[in-house]
Amino acid sequence: FVEEEPQPNEKGIKEILGSVFSFVERLDDEFNKSLLNTDP
């Protein structure tokens, strides 16, 4: 359930499922595409 706050683990840290790097990777791919589609 999205509404529920995740339970803290033994260190008291709440973990959220997700991949931070996938966003950066997609951004990098788009950056490359925009370079390829621009007149050098």
All heavy atoms as atom14 arrays in JSON, in Angstrom:
{
  "sequence": "FVEEEPQPNEKGIKEILGSVFSFVERLDDEFNKSLLNTDP",
  "atom14_mask": [
    [1, 1, 1, 1, 1, 1, 1, 1, 1, 1, 1, 0, 0, 0],
    [1, 1, 1, 1, 1, 1, 1, 0, 0, 0, 0, 0, 0, 0],
    [1, 1, 1, 1, 1, 1, 1, 1, 1, 0, 0, 0, 0, 0],
    [1, 1, 1, 1, 1, 1, 1, 1, 1, 0, 0, 0, 0, 0],
    [1, 1, 1, 1, 1, 1, 1, 1, 1, 0, 0, 0, 0, 0],
    [1, 1, 1, 1, 1, 1, 1, 0, 0, 0, 0, 0, 0, 0],
    [1, 1, 1, 1, 1, 1, 1, 1, 1, 0, 0, 0, 0, 0],
    [1, 1, 1, 1, 1, 1, 1, 0, 0, 0, 0, 0, 0, 0],
    [1, 1, 1, 1, 1, 1, 1, 1, 0, 0, 0, 0, 0, 0],
    [1, 1, 1, 1, 1, 1, 1, 1, 1, 0, 0, 0, 0, 0],
    [1, 1, 1, 1, 1, 1, 1, 1, 1, 0, 0, 0, 0, 0],
    [1, 1, 1, 1, 0, 0, 0, 0, 0, 0, 0, 0, 0, 0],
    [1, 1, 1, 1, 1, 1, 1, 1, 0, 0, 0, 0, 0, 0],
    [1, 1, 1, 1, 1, 1, 1, 1, 1, 0, 0, 0, 0, 0],
    [1, 1, 1, 1, 1, 1, 1, 1, 1, 0, 0, 0, 0, 0],
    [1, 1, 1, 1, 1, 1, 1, 1, 0, 0, 0, 0, 0, 0],
    [1, 1, 1, 1, 1, 1, 1, 1, 0, 0, 0, 0, 0, 0],
    [1, 1, 1, 1, 0, 0, 0, 0, 0, 0, 0, 0, 0, 0],
    [1, 1, 1, 1, 1, 1, 0, 0, 0, 0, 0, 0, 0, 0],
    [1, 1, 1, 1, 1, 1, 1, 0, 0, 0, 0, 0, 0, 0],
    [1, 1, 1, 1, 1, 1, 1, 1, 1, 1, 1, 0, 0, 0],
    [1, 1, 1, 1, 1, 1, 0, 0, 0, 0, 0, 0, 0, 0],
    [1, 1, 1, 1, 1, 1, 1, 1, 1, 1, 1, 0, 0, 0],
    [1, 1, 1, 1, 1, 1, 1, 0, 0, 0, 0, 0, 0, 0],
    [1, 1, 1, 1, 1, 1, 1, 1, 1, 0, 0, 0, 0, 0],
    [1, 1, 1, 1, 1, 1, 1, 1, 1, 1, 1, 0, 0, 0],
    [1, 1, 1, 1, 1, 1, 1, 1, 0, 0, 0, 0, 0, 0],
    [1, 1, 1, 1, 1, 1, 1, 1, 0, 0, 0, 0, 0, 0],
    [1, 1, 1, 1, 1, 1, 1, 1, 0, 0, 0, 0, 0, 0],
    [1, 1, 1, 1, 1, 1, 1, 1, 1, 0, 0, 0, 0, 0],
    [1, 1, 1, 1, 1, 1, 1, 1, 1, 1, 1, 0, 0, 0],
    [1, 1, 1, 1, 1, 1, 1, 1, 0, 0, 0, 0, 0, 0],
    [1, 1, 1, 1, 1, 1, 1, 1, 1, 0, 0, 0, 0, 0],
    [1, 1, 1, 1, 1, 1, 0, 0, 0, 0, 0, 0, 0, 0],
    [1, 1, 1, 1, 1, 1, 1, 1, 0, 0, 0, 0, 0, 0],
    [1, 1, 1, 1, 1, 1, 1, 1, 0, 0, 0, 0, 0, 0],
    [1, 1, 1, 1, 1, 1, 1, 1, 0, 0, 0, 0, 0, 0],
    [1, 1, 1, 1, 1, 1, 1, 0, 0, 0, 0, 0, 0, 0],
    [1, 1, 1, 1, 1, 1, 1, 1, 0, 0, 0, 0, 0, 0],
    [1, 1, 1, 1, 1, 1, 1, 0, 0, 0, 0, 0, 0, 0]
  ],
  "atom14_positions": [
    [[0.84, -1.21, 0.0], [0.0, 0.0, 0.0], [0.87, 1.25, 0.0], [1.71, 1.44, 0.86], [-0.92, 0.0, 1.24], [-1.79, -1.21, 1.29], [-1.5, -2.25, 2.16], [-2.9, -1.32, 0.44], [-2.28, -3.39, 2.2], [-3.68, -2.47, 0.48], [-3.39, -3.5, 1.36], [0.0, 0.0, 0.0], [0.0, 0.0, 0.0], [0.0, 0.0, 0.0]],
    [[0.61, 2.09, -0.98], [1.41, 3.31, -1.11], [1.2, 4.24, 0.09], [2.09, 4.94, 0.53], [1.03, 4.04, -2.42], [1.91, 5.27, -2.61], [1.19, 3.11, -3.61], [0.0, 0.0, 0.0], [0.0, 0.0, 0.0], [0.0, 0.0, 0.0], [0.0, 0.0, 0.0], [0.0, 0.0, 0.0], [0.0, 0.0, 0.0], [0.0, 0.0, 0.0]],
    [[-0.06, 4.21, 0.64], [-0.38, 5.16, 1.71], [0.38, 4.85, 2.99], [0.65, 5.73, 3.79], [-1.9, 5.14, 2.04], [-2.8, 5.65, 0.94], [-3.1, 4.59, -0.11], [-2.98, 3.39, 0.21], [-3.42, 4.96, -1.25], [0.0, 0.0, 0.0], [0.0, 0.0, 0.0], [0.0, 0.0, 0.0], [0.0, 0.0, 0.0], [0.0, 0.0, 0.0]],
    [[0.72, 3.57, 3.19], [1.35, 3.19, 4.46], [2.84, 3.51, 4.46], [3.53, 3.25, 3.48], [1.16, 1.69, 4.72], [-0.24, 1.36, 5.17], [-0.39, -0.14, 5.46], [0.65, -0.83, 5.58], [-1.53, -0.6, 5.53], [0.0, 0.0, 0.0], [0.0, 0.0, 0.0], [0.0, 0.0, 0.0], [0.0, 0.0, 0.0], [0.0, 0.0, 0.0]],
    [[3.28, 4.06, 5.57], [4.71, 4.35, 5.73], [5.44, 3.01, 5.91], [4.98, 2.14, 6.65], [4.87, 5.18, 7.01], [6.27, 5.65, 7.28], [6.51, 7.08, 6.81], [5.62, 7.68, 6.18], [7.59, 7.58, 7.09], [0.0, 0.0, 0.0], [0.0, 0.0, 0.0], [0.0, 0.0, 0.0], [0.0, 0.0, 0.0], [0.0, 0.0, 0.0]],
    [[6.6, 2.8, 5.22], [7.31, 1.53, 5.42], [7.82, 1.41, 6.86], [8.11, 2.43, 7.51], [8.48, 1.62, 4.43], [8.59, 3.05, 4.04], [7.24, 3.65, 4.23], [0.0, 0.0, 0.0], [0.0, 0.0, 0.0], [0.0, 0.0, 0.0], [0.0, 0.0, 0.0], [0.0, 0.0, 0.0], [0.0, 0.0, 0.0], [0.0, 0.0, 0.0]],
    [[7.91, 0.17, 7.34], [8.34, -0.04, 8.73], [9.86, 0.17, 8.84], [10.61, -0.26, 7.97], [8.02, -1.48, 9.17], [6.52, -1.76, 9.3], [5.85, -0.79, 10.27], [6.35, -0.57, 11.37], [4.74, -0.19, 9.84], [0.0, 0.0, 0.0], [0.0, 0.0, 0.0], [0.0, 0.0, 0.0], [0.0, 0.0, 0.0], [0.0, 0.0, 0.0]],
    [[10.31, 0.83, 9.91], [11.77, 1.01, 10.08], [12.45, -0.34, 10.31], [11.86, -1.22, 10.96], [11.89, 1.89, 11.32], [10.52, 2.27, 11.74], [9.54, 1.48, 10.96], [0.0, 0.0, 0.0], [0.0, 0.0, 0.0], [0.0, 0.0, 0.0], [0.0, 0.0, 0.0], [0.0, 0.0, 0.0], [0.0, 0.0, 0.0], [0.0, 0.0, 0.0]],
    [[13.66, -0.52, 9.78], [14.4, -1.78, 10.04], [15.15, -1.66, 11.37], [14.97, -0.69, 12.11], [15.35, -2.08, 8.87], [16.38, -0.99, 8.67], [16.5, -0.08, 9.48], [17.12, -1.06, 7.57], [0.0, 0.0, 0.0], [0.0, 0.0, 0.0], [0.0, 0.0, 0.0], [0.0, 0.0, 0.0], [0.0, 0.0, 0.0], [0.0, 0.0, 0.0]],
    [[16.03, -2.65, 11.63], [16.67, -2.67, 12.96], [17.54, -1.43, 13.22], [17.8, -1.07, 14.37], [17.49, -3.97, 13.16], [18.67, -4.18, 12.19], [18.22, -4.79, 10.85], [17.0, -4.93, 10.62], [19.1, -5.1, 10.04], [0.0, 0.0, 0.0], [0.0, 0.0, 0.0], [0.0, 0.0, 0.0], [0.0, 0.0, 0.0], [0.0, 0.0, 0.0]],
    [[17.96, -0.74, 12.16], [18.76, 0.47, 12.38], [17.87, 1.7, 12.47], [18.37, 2.82, 12.56], [19.74, 0.66, 11.22], [20.86, -0.37, 11.2], [21.81, -0.07, 10.05], [22.84, -1.2, 9.9], [23.42, -1.21, 8.57], [0.0, 0.0, 0.0], [0.0, 0.0, 0.0], [0.0, 0.0, 0.0], [0.0, 0.0, 0.0], [0.0, 0.0, 0.0]],
    [[16.56, 1.5, 12.37], [15.65, 2.63, 12.46], [15.51, 3.39, 11.15], [15.06, 4.53, 11.13], [0.0, 0.0, 0.0], [0.0, 0.0, 0.0], [0.0, 0.0, 0.0], [0.0, 0.0, 0.0], [0.0, 0.0, 0.0], [0.0, 0.0, 0.0], [0.0, 0.0, 0.0], [0.0, 0.0, 0.0], [0.0, 0.0, 0.0], [0.0, 0.0, 0.0]],
    [[15.91, 2.73, 10.03], [15.83, 3.4, 8.72], [14.68, 2.81, 7.92], [14.51, 1.59, 7.87], [17.17, 3.24, 7.97], [18.24, 4.1, 8.65], [17.02, 3.63, 6.5], [19.63, 3.87, 8.17], [0.0, 0.0, 0.0], [0.0, 0.0, 0.0], [0.0, 0.0, 0.0], [0.0, 0.0, 0.0], [0.0, 0.0, 0.0], [0.0, 0.0, 0.0]],
    [[13.88, 3.69, 7.34], [12.75, 3.2, 6.54], [13.21, 3.03, 5.09], [13.74, 3.96, 4.49], [11.6, 4.21, 6.61], [11.08, 4.37, 8.03], [10.11, 5.5, 8.14], [9.66, 5.65, 9.61], [8.84, 6.82, 9.83], [0.0, 0.0, 0.0], [0.0, 0.0, 0.0], [0.0, 0.0, 0.0], [0.0, 0.0, 0.0], [0.0, 0.0, 0.0]],
    [[13.02, 1.8, 4.56], [13.51, 1.52, 3.2], [12.38, 1.61, 2.19], [11.29, 1.06, 2.4], [14.15, 0.13, 3.16], [15.45, 0.07, 3.93], [16.19, -1.24, 3.73], [15.52, -2.24, 3.4], [17.43, -1.26, 3.88], [0.0, 0.0, 0.0], [0.0, 0.0, 0.0], [0.0, 0.0, 0.0], [0.0, 0.0, 0.0], [0.0, 0.0, 0.0]],
    [[12.63, 2.28, 1.08], [11.62, 2.42, 0.02], [12.16, 1.69, -1.21], [13.33, 1.85, -1.57], [11.39, 3.91, -0.32], [10.95, 4.66, 0.95], [10.37, 4.08, -1.44], [11.04, 6.16, 0.81], [0.0, 0.0, 0.0], [0.0, 0.0, 0.0], [0.0, 0.0, 0.0], [0.0, 0.0, 0.0], [0.0, 0.0, 0.0], [0.0, 0.0, 0.0]],
    [[11.3, 0.9, -1.85], [11.74, 0.13, -3.01], [11.84, 1.06, -4.23], [10.9, 1.79, -4.54], [10.75, -1.0, -3.3], [11.11, -1.93, -4.45], [12.38, -2.69, -4.14], [9.98, -2.9, -4.75], [0.0, 0.0, 0.0], [0.0, 0.0, 0.0], [0.0, 0.0, 0.0], [0.0, 0.0, 0.0], [0.0, 0.0, 0.0], [0.0, 0.0, 0.0]],
    [[12.98, 1.02, -4.92], [13.13, 1.85, -6.12], [14.58, 1.87, -6.54], [15.46, 1.52, -5.76], [0.0, 0.0, 0.0], [0.0, 0.0, 0.0], [0.0, 0.0, 0.0], [0.0, 0.0, 0.0], [0.0, 0.0, 0.0], [0.0, 0.0, 0.0], [0.0, 0.0, 0.0], [0.0, 0.0, 0.0], [0.0, 0.0, 0.0], [0.0, 0.0, 0.0]],
    [[14.82, 2.25, -7.79], [16.2, 2.29, -8.26], [16.56, 3.72, -8.63], [16.02, 4.28, -9.57], [16.36, 1.38, -9.46], [17.58, 1.65, -10.07], [0.0, 0.0, 0.0], [0.0, 0.0, 0.0], [0.0, 0.0, 0.0], [0.0, 0.0, 0.0], [0.0, 0.0, 0.0], [0.0, 0.0, 0.0], [0.0, 0.0, 0.0], [0.0, 0.0, 0.0]],
    [[17.46, 4.29, -7.85], [17.88, 5.67, -8.11], [18.64, 5.74, -9.43], [18.44, 6.64, -10.25], [18.8, 6.17, -6.97], [19.28, 7.58, -7.24], [18.07, 6.1, -5.64], [0.0, 0.0, 0.0], [0.0, 0.0, 0.0], [0.0, 0.0, 0.0], [0.0, 0.0, 0.0], [0.0, 0.0, 0.0], [0.0, 0.0, 0.0], [0.0, 0.0, 0.0]],
    [[19.48, 4.73, -9.64], [20.37, 4.84, -10.79], [19.66, 4.68, -12.13], [20.11, 5.22, -13.13], [21.54, 3.86, -10.68], [22.61, 4.18, -11.68], [23.33, 5.36, -11.57], [22.86, 3.35, -12.75], [24.29, 5.71, -12.52], [23.82, 3.69, -13.69], [24.54, 4.87, -13.57], [0.0, 0.0, 0.0], [0.0, 0.0, 0.0], [0.0, 0.0, 0.0]],
    [[18.53, 3.97, -12.13], [17.8, 3.81, -13.4], [17.42, 5.16, -13.98], [17.46, 5.36, -15.2], [16.54, 2.98, -13.2], [16.91, 1.7, -12.78], [0.0, 0.0, 0.0], [0.0, 0.0, 0.0], [0.0, 0.0, 0.0], [0.0, 0.0, 0.0], [0.0, 0.0, 0.0], [0.0, 0.0, 0.0], [0.0, 0.0, 0.0], [0.0, 0.0, 0.0]],
    [[17.05, 6.11, -13.1], [16.68, 7.46, -13.57], [17.89, 8.13, -14.23], [17.79, 8.71, -15.31], [16.2, 8.32, -12.4], [14.84, 7.95, -11.93], [14.66, 7.38, -10.69], [13.72, 8.18, -12.73], [13.39, 7.03, -10.24], [12.45, 7.84, -12.29], [12.29, 7.26, -11.05], [0.0, 0.0, 0.0], [0.0, 0.0, 0.0], [0.0, 0.0, 0.0]],
    [[19.04, 8.03, -13.55], [20.25, 8.67, -14.07], [20.64, 8.04, -15.41], [21.03, 8.72, -16.35], [21.41, 8.54, -13.06], [22.67, 9.21, -13.58], [21.01, 9.16, -11.73], [0.0, 0.0, 0.0], [0.0, 0.0, 0.0], [0.0, 0.0, 0.0], [0.0, 0.0, 0.0], [0.0, 0.0, 0.0], [0.0, 0.0, 0.0], [0.0, 0.0, 0.0]],
    [[20.46, 6.71, -15.47], [20.82, 5.99, -16.69], [19.94, 6.42, -17.86], [20.42, 6.67, -18.97], [20.63, 4.49, -16.43], [21.58, 3.62, -17.18], [21.6, 2.21, -16.61], [20.57, 1.74, -16.08], [22.64, 1.57, -16.7], [0.0, 0.0, 0.0], [0.0, 0.0, 0.0], [0.0, 0.0, 0.0], [0.0, 0.0, 0.0], [0.0, 0.0, 0.0]],
    [[18.65, 6.55, -17.57], [17.72, 6.99, -18.63], [18.07, 8.4, -19.09], [18.05, 8.71, -20.28], [16.28, 7.0, -18.09], [15.68, 5.65, -17.79], [14.73, 5.17, -18.88], [13.72, 6.14, -19.26], [12.51, 6.25, -18.71], [12.17, 5.44, -17.72], [11.66, 7.13, -19.15], [0.0, 0.0, 0.0], [0.0, 0.0, 0.0], [0.0, 0.0, 0.0]],
    [[18.42, 9.23, -18.13], [18.78, 10.62, -18.43], [20.02, 10.66, -19.34], [20.08, 11.4, -20.33], [19.08, 11.36, -17.12], [19.15, 12.88, -17.18], [17.81, 13.45, -17.58], [19.53, 13.43, -15.82], [0.0, 0.0, 0.0], [0.0, 0.0, 0.0], [0.0, 0.0, 0.0], [0.0, 0.0, 0.0], [0.0, 0.0, 0.0], [0.0, 0.0, 0.0]],
    [[20.99, 9.81, -19.01], [22.22, 9.75, -19.78], [21.94, 9.27, -21.21], [22.5, 9.8, -22.18], [23.21, 8.81, -19.08], [24.61, 8.95, -19.62], [24.93, 10.04, -20.13], [25.37, 7.98, -19.56], [0.0, 0.0, 0.0], [0.0, 0.0, 0.0], [0.0, 0.0, 0.0], [0.0, 0.0, 0.0], [0.0, 0.0, 0.0], [0.0, 0.0, 0.0]],
    [[21.05, 8.27, -21.33], [20.68, 7.77, -22.67], [20.04, 8.88, -23.5], [20.34, 9.04, -24.68], [19.71, 6.59, -22.56], [20.42, 5.33, -22.05], [21.66, 5.29, -22.16], [19.74, 4.42, -21.54], [0.0, 0.0, 0.0], [0.0, 0.0, 0.0], [0.0, 0.0, 0.0], [0.0, 0.0, 0.0], [0.0, 0.0, 0.0], [0.0, 0.0, 0.0]],
    [[19.15, 9.63, -22.85], [18.47, 10.72, -23.57], [19.48, 11.8, -23.99], [19.38, 12.36, -25.07], [17.38, 11.37, -22.68], [16.18, 10.48, -22.44], [15.46, 10.08, -23.72], [15.36, 10.92, -24.64], [15.01, 8.94, -23.82], [0.0, 0.0, 0.0], [0.0, 0.0, 0.0], [0.0, 0.0, 0.0], [0.0, 0.0, 0.0], [0.0, 0.0, 0.0]],
    [[20.45, 12.05, -23.12], [21.49, 13.04, -23.42], [22.27, 12.6, -24.66], [22.51, 13.39, -25.57], [22.42, 13.16, -22.2], [23.64, 14.0, -22.44], [23.54, 15.36, -22.66], [24.92, 13.43, -22.45], [24.67, 16.15, -22.87], [26.04, 14.2, -22.67], [25.92, 15.56, -22.88], [0.0, 0.0, 0.0], [0.0, 0.0, 0.0], [0.0, 0.0, 0.0]],
    [[22.61, 11.31, -24.69], [23.33, 10.77, -25.85], [22.51, 10.89, -27.13], [23.03, 11.25, -28.17], [23.66, 9.3, -25.61], [25.14, 9.11, -25.45], [25.9, 10.06, -25.61], [25.57, 7.9, -25.16], [0.0, 0.0, 0.0], [0.0, 0.0, 0.0], [0.0, 0.0, 0.0], [0.0, 0.0, 0.0], [0.0, 0.0, 0.0], [0.0, 0.0, 0.0]],
    [[21.2, 10.59, -26.99], [20.31, 10.66, -28.16], [20.25, 12.09, -28.68], [20.3, 12.33, -29.88], [18.9, 10.22, -27.78], [18.65, 8.74, -28.01], [17.18, 8.45, -27.8], [17.02, 7.05, -27.24], [15.67, 6.76, -26.81], [0.0, 0.0, 0.0], [0.0, 0.0, 0.0], [0.0, 0.0, 0.0], [0.0, 0.0, 0.0], [0.0, 0.0, 0.0]],
    [[20.15, 13.03, -27.75], [20.02, 14.42, -28.2], [21.31, 14.88, -28.9], [21.26, 15.65, -29.84], [19.67, 15.34, -27.03], [20.77, 15.46, -26.18], [0.0, 0.0, 0.0], [0.0, 0.0, 0.0], [0.0, 0.0, 0.0], [0.0, 0.0, 0.0], [0.0, 0.0, 0.0], [0.0, 0.0, 0.0], [0.0, 0.0, 0.0], [0.0, 0.0, 0.0]],
    [[22.47, 14.37, -28.44], [23.72, 14.71, -29.13], [23.76, 14.12, -30.53], [24.2, 14.75, -31.48], [24.93, 14.2, -28.34], [25.35, 14.98, -27.1], [26.51, 14.28, -26.4], [25.77, 16.4, -27.45], [0.0, 0.0, 0.0], [0.0, 0.0, 0.0], [0.0, 0.0, 0.0], [0.0, 0.0, 0.0], [0.0, 0.0, 0.0], [0.0, 0.0, 0.0]],
    [[23.26, 12.87, -30.64], [23.28, 12.21, -31.95], [22.33, 12.89, -32.93], [22.54, 12.85, -34.13], [22.9, 10.74, -31.81], [23.94, 9.82, -31.17], [23.36, 8.45, -30.9], [25.16, 9.69, -32.05], [0.0, 0.0, 0.0], [0.0, 0.0, 0.0], [0.0, 0.0, 0.0], [0.0, 0.0, 0.0], [0.0, 0.0, 0.0], [0.0, 0.0, 0.0]],
    [[21.27, 13.5, -32.4], [20.28, 14.12, -33.28], [20.54, 15.6, -33.53], [19.74, 16.27, -34.16], [18.87, 13.95, -32.7], [18.39, 12.52, -32.89], [18.39, 12.01, -34.01], [18.01, 11.87, -31.81], [0.0, 0.0, 0.0], [0.0, 0.0, 0.0], [0.0, 0.0, 0.0], [0.0, 0.0, 0.0], [0.0, 0.0, 0.0], [0.0, 0.0, 0.0]],
    [[21.65, 16.11, -33.0], [21.98, 17.53, -33.22], [23.08, 17.62, -34.26], [23.98, 16.77, -34.26], [22.49, 18.17, -31.9], [21.56, 17.85, -30.87], [22.58, 19.68, -32.02], [0.0, 0.0, 0.0], [0.0, 0.0, 0.0], [0.0, 0.0, 0.0], [0.0, 0.0, 0.0], [0.0, 0.0, 0.0], [0.0, 0.0, 0.0], [0.0, 0.0, 0.0]],
    [[23.03, 18.63, -35.1], [24.09, 18.8, -36.09], [25.4, 19.14, -35.38], [25.48, 20.17, -34.69], [23.69, 19.93, -37.06], [24.84, 20.32, -37.97], [25.75, 19.48, -38.13], [24.83, 21.44, -38.51], [0.0, 0.0, 0.0], [0.0, 0.0, 0.0], [0.0, 0.0, 0.0], [0.0, 0.0, 0.0], [0.0, 0.0, 0.0], [0.0, 0.0, 0.0]],
    [[26.43, 18.3, -35.52], [27.64, 18.5, -34.72], [28.41, 19.78, -35.05], [29.25, 20.22, -34.28], [28.5, 17.28, -35.06], [27.93, 16.73, -36.31], [26.49, 17.08, -36.32], [0.0, 0.0, 0.0], [0.0, 0.0, 0.0], [0.0, 0.0, 0.0], [0.0, 0.0, 0.0], [0.0, 0.0, 0.0], [0.0, 0.0, 0.0], [0.0, 0.0, 0.0]]
  ]
}
